[in-house]
N, C-alpha and C. Protein backbone atom coordinates (compact mmCIF):
# COMPACT_ATOMS: atom_id res chain seq x y z
N MET A 1 12.59 12.66 -11.52
CA MET A 1 13.36 11.24 -10.53
C MET A 1 13.46 10.43 -11.02
N ASN A 2 14.51 9.61 -10.25
CA ASN A 2 14.98 8.14 -10.61
C ASN A 2 14.27 6.88 -10.30
N PRO A 3 14.48 6.23 -11.36
CA PRO A 3 13.67 5.10 -11.56
C PRO A 3 13.65 3.89 -10.47
N LYS A 4 13.87 4.05 -9.62
CA LYS A 4 14.44 3.11 -8.38
C LYS A 4 13.48 2.99 -7.60
N PRO A 5 13.82 4.23 -6.68
CA PRO A 5 12.25 4.74 -6.35
C PRO A 5 10.42 4.50 -6.97
N ARG A 6 10.73 4.97 -7.90
CA ARG A 6 9.28 4.40 -8.41
C ARG A 6 8.91 3.12 -8.66
N THR A 7 10.19 2.23 -8.87
CA THR A 7 10.40 0.76 -10.17
C THR A 7 9.65 0.55 -8.65
N LEU A 8 10.48 0.43 -6.74
CA LEU A 8 10.28 -0.33 -5.56
C LEU A 8 8.40 0.52 -5.52
N ALA A 9 8.10 0.85 -5.69
CA ALA A 9 7.00 1.39 -5.08
C ALA A 9 5.53 0.91 -6.08
N VAL A 10 5.89 0.73 -7.71
CA VAL A 10 5.59 -0.53 -7.94
C VAL A 10 5.95 -1.17 -7.79
N ILE A 11 6.29 -2.12 -7.95
CA ILE A 11 6.91 -3.41 -7.29
C ILE A 11 6.19 -4.19 -5.85
N SER A 12 5.97 -2.53 -4.67
CA SER A 12 5.31 -2.18 -3.62
C SER A 12 3.83 -3.28 -3.38
N TYR A 13 3.42 -2.64 -4.42
CA TYR A 13 2.11 -2.92 -5.44
C TYR A 13 1.25 -3.90 -5.11
N LEU A 14 2.68 -5.14 -5.89
CA LEU A 14 1.98 -6.60 -6.61
C LEU A 14 1.61 -7.58 -5.88
N THR A 15 1.20 -7.57 -5.12
CA THR A 15 0.94 -8.68 -4.47
C THR A 15 1.78 -8.22 -2.92
N PHE A 16 1.15 -9.25 -1.74
CA PHE A 16 2.33 -8.95 -0.76
C PHE A 16 3.14 -9.83 -0.51
N ILE A 17 3.68 -10.03 -1.27
CA ILE A 17 5.11 -10.66 -1.74
C ILE A 17 5.97 -9.30 -2.06
N GLY A 18 5.39 -8.66 -3.74
CA GLY A 18 6.11 -7.56 -3.64
C GLY A 18 6.18 -6.70 -2.54
N LEU A 19 5.10 -7.13 -1.44
CA LEU A 19 5.79 -5.76 -1.05
C LEU A 19 6.88 -6.05 -0.27
N ILE A 20 6.78 -7.56 0.20
CA ILE A 20 7.55 -8.05 0.96
C ILE A 20 9.13 -7.39 0.39
N ILE A 21 9.39 -7.27 -0.97
CA ILE A 21 10.33 -7.40 -2.23
C ILE A 21 10.59 -6.09 -1.91
N ALA A 22 9.30 -5.40 -2.45
CA ALA A 22 9.90 -3.70 -2.27
C ALA A 22 10.74 -3.31 -1.08
N TYR A 23 10.50 -4.31 0.24
CA TYR A 23 10.37 -3.33 1.76
C TYR A 23 12.23 -4.04 1.96
N PHE A 24 12.49 -5.09 1.40
CA PHE A 24 13.89 -5.12 2.20
C PHE A 24 14.72 -4.90 0.87
N ILE A 25 14.86 -5.02 -0.07
CA ILE A 25 15.70 -3.39 -1.33
C ILE A 25 15.58 -2.08 -0.90
N ASN A 26 14.73 -1.33 -0.57
CA ASN A 26 14.45 -0.76 0.53
C ASN A 26 15.14 0.43 1.57
N ARG A 27 14.77 -0.32 2.28
CA ARG A 27 15.84 -1.40 3.13
C ARG A 27 17.60 -0.57 3.26
N GLU A 28 18.08 -0.92 2.14
CA GLU A 28 19.47 -1.01 1.49
C GLU A 28 19.39 0.37 0.61
N ASP A 29 19.54 1.10 -0.08
CA ASP A 29 19.39 2.33 -0.16
C ASP A 29 18.16 2.39 0.05
N LYS A 30 17.55 3.91 0.78
CA LYS A 30 16.17 4.22 1.41
C LYS A 30 15.56 6.03 0.20
N SER A 31 13.87 5.56 -0.01
CA SER A 31 13.60 6.44 -0.94
C SER A 31 12.71 6.98 -0.01
N GLU A 32 12.60 8.43 0.16
CA GLU A 32 11.63 8.52 1.25
C GLU A 32 9.41 8.22 0.08
N PHE A 33 10.00 8.46 -0.87
CA PHE A 33 9.01 7.62 -1.75
C PHE A 33 8.53 6.13 -1.87
N ALA A 34 9.83 5.48 -1.89
CA ALA A 34 8.96 4.00 -1.58
C ALA A 34 8.41 3.41 -0.90
N THR A 35 9.31 4.55 0.01
CA THR A 35 8.59 4.53 1.89
C THR A 35 7.16 4.46 2.36
N TRP A 36 7.03 5.46 1.16
CA TRP A 36 5.70 5.31 1.85
C TRP A 36 4.60 4.93 0.86
N HIS A 37 5.14 4.71 -0.25
CA HIS A 37 3.76 4.41 -1.03
C HIS A 37 4.64 2.38 -0.88
N ILE A 38 5.23 1.96 0.19
CA ILE A 38 5.61 0.70 1.05
C ILE A 38 4.34 1.14 2.37
N LYS A 39 4.74 1.61 2.81
CA LYS A 39 3.57 1.91 4.15
C LYS A 39 2.30 2.30 3.60
N ASN A 40 2.21 3.02 2.31
CA ASN A 40 0.05 2.60 1.76
C ASN A 40 -0.04 1.23 1.22
N MET A 41 0.68 1.30 1.34
CA MET A 41 -0.01 -0.71 0.78
C MET A 41 0.28 -1.61 1.85
N PHE A 42 0.89 -1.54 3.08
CA PHE A 42 0.89 -2.16 4.19
C PHE A 42 -0.83 -1.82 4.64
N GLY A 43 -1.08 -0.12 4.78
CA GLY A 43 -2.40 -0.54 5.26
C GLY A 43 -3.29 -0.59 4.05
N LEU A 44 -2.83 -0.81 3.05
CA LEU A 44 -3.67 -2.06 1.86
C LEU A 44 -4.36 -2.89 2.46
N VAL A 45 -2.72 -4.00 2.75
CA VAL A 45 -3.50 -5.28 2.53
C VAL A 45 -3.91 -5.32 4.33
N LEU A 46 -3.86 -4.64 4.80
CA LEU A 46 -4.87 -5.12 6.70
C LEU A 46 -5.43 -4.52 6.67
N ILE A 47 -6.29 -3.57 5.75
CA ILE A 47 -8.00 -3.68 5.52
C ILE A 47 -7.62 -4.91 3.90
N LEU A 48 -7.73 -4.96 3.25
CA LEU A 48 -7.79 -6.44 2.15
C LEU A 48 -8.03 -7.85 4.01
N PHE A 49 -7.03 -7.80 4.86
CA PHE A 49 -7.58 -9.14 5.79
C PHE A 49 -8.35 -8.73 6.20
N SER A 50 -9.09 -7.47 6.92
CA SER A 50 -9.77 -7.69 7.74
C SER A 50 -11.17 -7.52 6.76
N SER A 51 -11.41 -7.87 5.50
CA SER A 51 -12.24 -7.47 4.86
C SER A 51 -12.57 -8.89 4.69
N GLN A 52 -11.38 -9.61 4.22
CA GLN A 52 -12.17 -11.34 4.66
C GLN A 52 -12.53 -11.77 5.71
N ALA A 53 -11.90 -11.68 7.13
CA ALA A 53 -12.31 -11.68 8.39
C ALA A 53 -13.24 -11.62 8.72
N ILE A 54 -14.20 -9.67 7.75
CA ILE A 54 -15.49 -9.57 8.61
C ILE A 54 -16.55 -9.97 7.47
N GLY A 55 -15.75 -10.61 6.40
CA GLY A 55 -17.10 -11.50 6.02
C GLY A 55 -17.52 -12.26 5.72
N TYR A 56 -16.53 -12.90 7.30
CA TYR A 56 -16.83 -14.66 7.86
C TYR A 56 -18.54 -14.01 8.34
N SER A 57 -18.59 -12.56 9.42
CA SER A 57 -19.48 -12.56 10.11
C SER A 57 -20.37 -11.98 9.33
N SER A 58 -20.26 -11.28 8.54
CA SER A 58 -21.36 -10.28 7.50
C SER A 58 -20.54 -9.66 6.27
N PRO A 59 -21.42 -10.70 5.53
CA PRO A 59 -20.27 -10.53 3.77
C PRO A 59 -21.07 -9.80 3.33
N LEU A 60 -21.99 -8.52 3.62
CA LEU A 60 -21.53 -7.11 2.99
C LEU A 60 -21.19 -6.99 3.14
N LEU A 61 -20.32 -6.22 4.76
CA LEU A 61 -19.48 -5.38 4.91
C LEU A 61 -18.54 -5.67 4.04
N GLY A 62 -18.21 -7.44 4.36
CA GLY A 62 -16.74 -7.68 4.12
C GLY A 62 -16.15 -7.19 2.75
N THR A 63 -17.73 -7.83 1.44
CA THR A 63 -17.63 -7.31 0.60
C THR A 63 -17.38 -5.58 0.24
N VAL A 64 -18.33 -4.76 1.28
CA VAL A 64 -17.93 -3.72 0.57
C VAL A 64 -16.35 -3.19 0.59
N LEU A 65 -15.70 -3.67 2.01
CA LEU A 65 -14.50 -3.37 2.31
C LEU A 65 -13.21 -3.58 1.25
N TRP A 66 -13.81 -4.52 1.15
CA TRP A 66 -13.19 -5.85 -0.07
C TRP A 66 -13.52 -4.72 -1.77
N TRP A 67 -14.42 -4.17 -2.25
CA TRP A 67 -14.58 -3.31 -2.65
C TRP A 67 -13.52 -1.44 -2.52
N VAL A 68 -13.73 -0.96 -1.32
CA VAL A 68 -12.88 0.00 -0.69
C VAL A 68 -11.58 -0.66 -0.97
N ALA A 69 -10.49 -1.19 -0.34
CA ALA A 69 -8.82 -2.20 -0.94
C ALA A 69 -8.88 -2.00 -2.39
N PHE A 70 -9.90 -2.37 -2.76
CA PHE A 70 -9.11 -2.41 -4.58
C PHE A 70 -9.24 -1.97 -5.39
N VAL A 71 -10.32 -0.51 -4.77
CA VAL A 71 -10.15 1.09 -5.66
C VAL A 71 -8.86 1.61 -5.16
N SER A 72 -8.76 1.69 -4.05
CA SER A 72 -7.54 2.23 -3.36
C SER A 72 -6.29 1.73 -3.98
N TRP A 73 -6.72 -0.07 -3.80
CA TRP A 73 -5.21 -0.33 -4.17
C TRP A 73 -5.31 0.36 -6.04
N THR A 74 -6.25 0.72 -6.90
CA THR A 74 -5.99 0.54 -8.22
C THR A 74 -5.07 1.85 -7.63
N LEU A 75 -6.44 3.04 -7.56
CA LEU A 75 -5.73 4.46 -7.73
C LEU A 75 -4.15 4.87 -6.62
N SER A 76 -3.48 3.93 -5.92
CA SER A 76 -2.14 4.26 -5.13
C SER A 76 -1.44 3.49 -6.44
N LEU A 77 -1.46 2.83 -6.74
CA LEU A 77 -0.93 1.84 -8.16
C LEU A 77 -0.83 2.32 -9.66
N VAL A 78 -1.89 3.89 -9.81
CA VAL A 78 -1.77 4.58 -10.83
C VAL A 78 -1.01 5.32 -10.84
N MET A 79 -1.47 5.85 -8.47
CA MET A 79 -0.49 7.65 -8.50
C MET A 79 1.52 6.79 -8.62
N ALA A 80 1.95 5.65 -7.94
CA ALA A 80 3.34 5.49 -8.10
C ALA A 80 3.90 5.35 -9.28
N ALA A 81 2.78 4.83 -10.92
CA ALA A 81 3.40 4.53 -11.52
C ALA A 81 3.83 6.09 -12.04
N ALA A 82 3.02 7.06 -12.10
CA ALA A 82 3.17 7.87 -12.00
C ALA A 82 4.43 9.02 -11.41
N GLY A 83 4.71 8.30 -9.91
CA GLY A 83 5.62 9.20 -9.71
C GLY A 83 5.05 10.51 -8.71
N LYS A 84 3.50 10.54 -8.34
CA LYS A 84 3.31 11.25 -7.57
C LYS A 84 3.07 10.40 -5.80
N LYS A 85 3.13 11.52 -5.14
CA LYS A 85 3.15 11.23 -3.54
C LYS A 85 1.35 11.09 -3.42
N ALA A 86 0.56 10.19 -3.92
CA ALA A 86 -0.89 10.41 -3.77
C ALA A 86 -1.80 9.34 -3.37
N GLY A 87 -2.40 9.02 -2.65
CA GLY A 87 -2.83 7.83 -2.11
C GLY A 87 -4.53 7.97 -1.78
N ILE A 88 -5.21 7.61 -0.89
CA ILE A 88 -6.67 7.77 -0.54
C ILE A 88 -6.47 8.29 0.43
N PRO A 89 -6.84 9.90 0.27
CA PRO A 89 -7.27 10.72 0.88
C PRO A 89 -8.08 10.25 1.98
N TRP A 90 -6.80 10.77 3.03
CA TRP A 90 -6.89 10.83 4.92
C TRP A 90 -6.55 9.29 4.95
N LEU A 91 -6.57 8.67 4.64
CA LEU A 91 -5.33 6.83 5.08
C LEU A 91 -4.39 7.05 4.93
N SER A 92 -4.31 7.45 3.51
CA SER A 92 -2.64 7.57 3.52
C SER A 92 -1.85 8.07 4.41
N GLU A 93 -2.48 9.42 4.74
CA GLU A 93 -1.31 10.48 6.21
C GLU A 93 -2.09 9.07 7.39
N GLN A 94 -3.05 9.31 7.65
CA GLN A 94 -2.97 7.70 8.96
C GLN A 94 -1.82 6.51 8.48
N PHE A 95 -1.85 6.27 7.63
CA PHE A 95 -0.68 4.84 7.44
C PHE A 95 0.94 4.83 8.15
N GLN A 96 1.25 6.46 7.41
CA GLN A 96 2.70 7.04 7.23
C GLN A 96 2.82 7.60 8.52
N LYS A 97 1.81 7.81 9.41
CA LYS A 97 2.14 7.50 11.28
C LYS A 97 2.35 6.77 11.91
N TRP A 98 0.70 6.07 11.75
CA TRP A 98 0.92 4.39 12.26
C TRP A 98 1.80 3.63 11.94
N PHE A 99 2.62 3.63 10.75
CA PHE A 99 3.68 2.22 10.29
C PHE A 99 4.33 2.89 9.81
N LEU A 100 5.18 3.50 11.65
CA LEU A 100 6.80 4.65 11.48
C LEU A 100 7.49 3.03 11.64
N PHE A 101 7.33 1.73 12.12
CA PHE A 101 8.63 0.74 11.83
C PHE A 101 8.66 0.09 10.64
N LEU A 102 8.40 1.14 9.49
CA LEU A 102 8.87 0.33 7.68
C LEU A 102 9.51 1.37 7.95
N ASN A 103 10.11 1.89 8.24
CA ASN A 103 10.64 3.28 7.74
C ASN A 103 12.30 2.47 7.71
């Protein structure tokens, strides 16, 4: 595998700023692999923001969602570094359908 798509995929998992940087670099030289991981991270960011918002009214549910997002992020980062298009069961496939605007 070309190292650039793998590098972009890993960068996309390095904070919200990394996601934005990877998105704009990927727009110039499209990579299906990097796009897949960018969409996955975008979904994880939404779960993280949701966990914070829900945490204000239900601290337990917010904490559970935060841990789900953290474990999913860790798994996805490892898969991106390994050069695999694998992520969160069921959710990753949904993210690919929902976030077509990131193509």
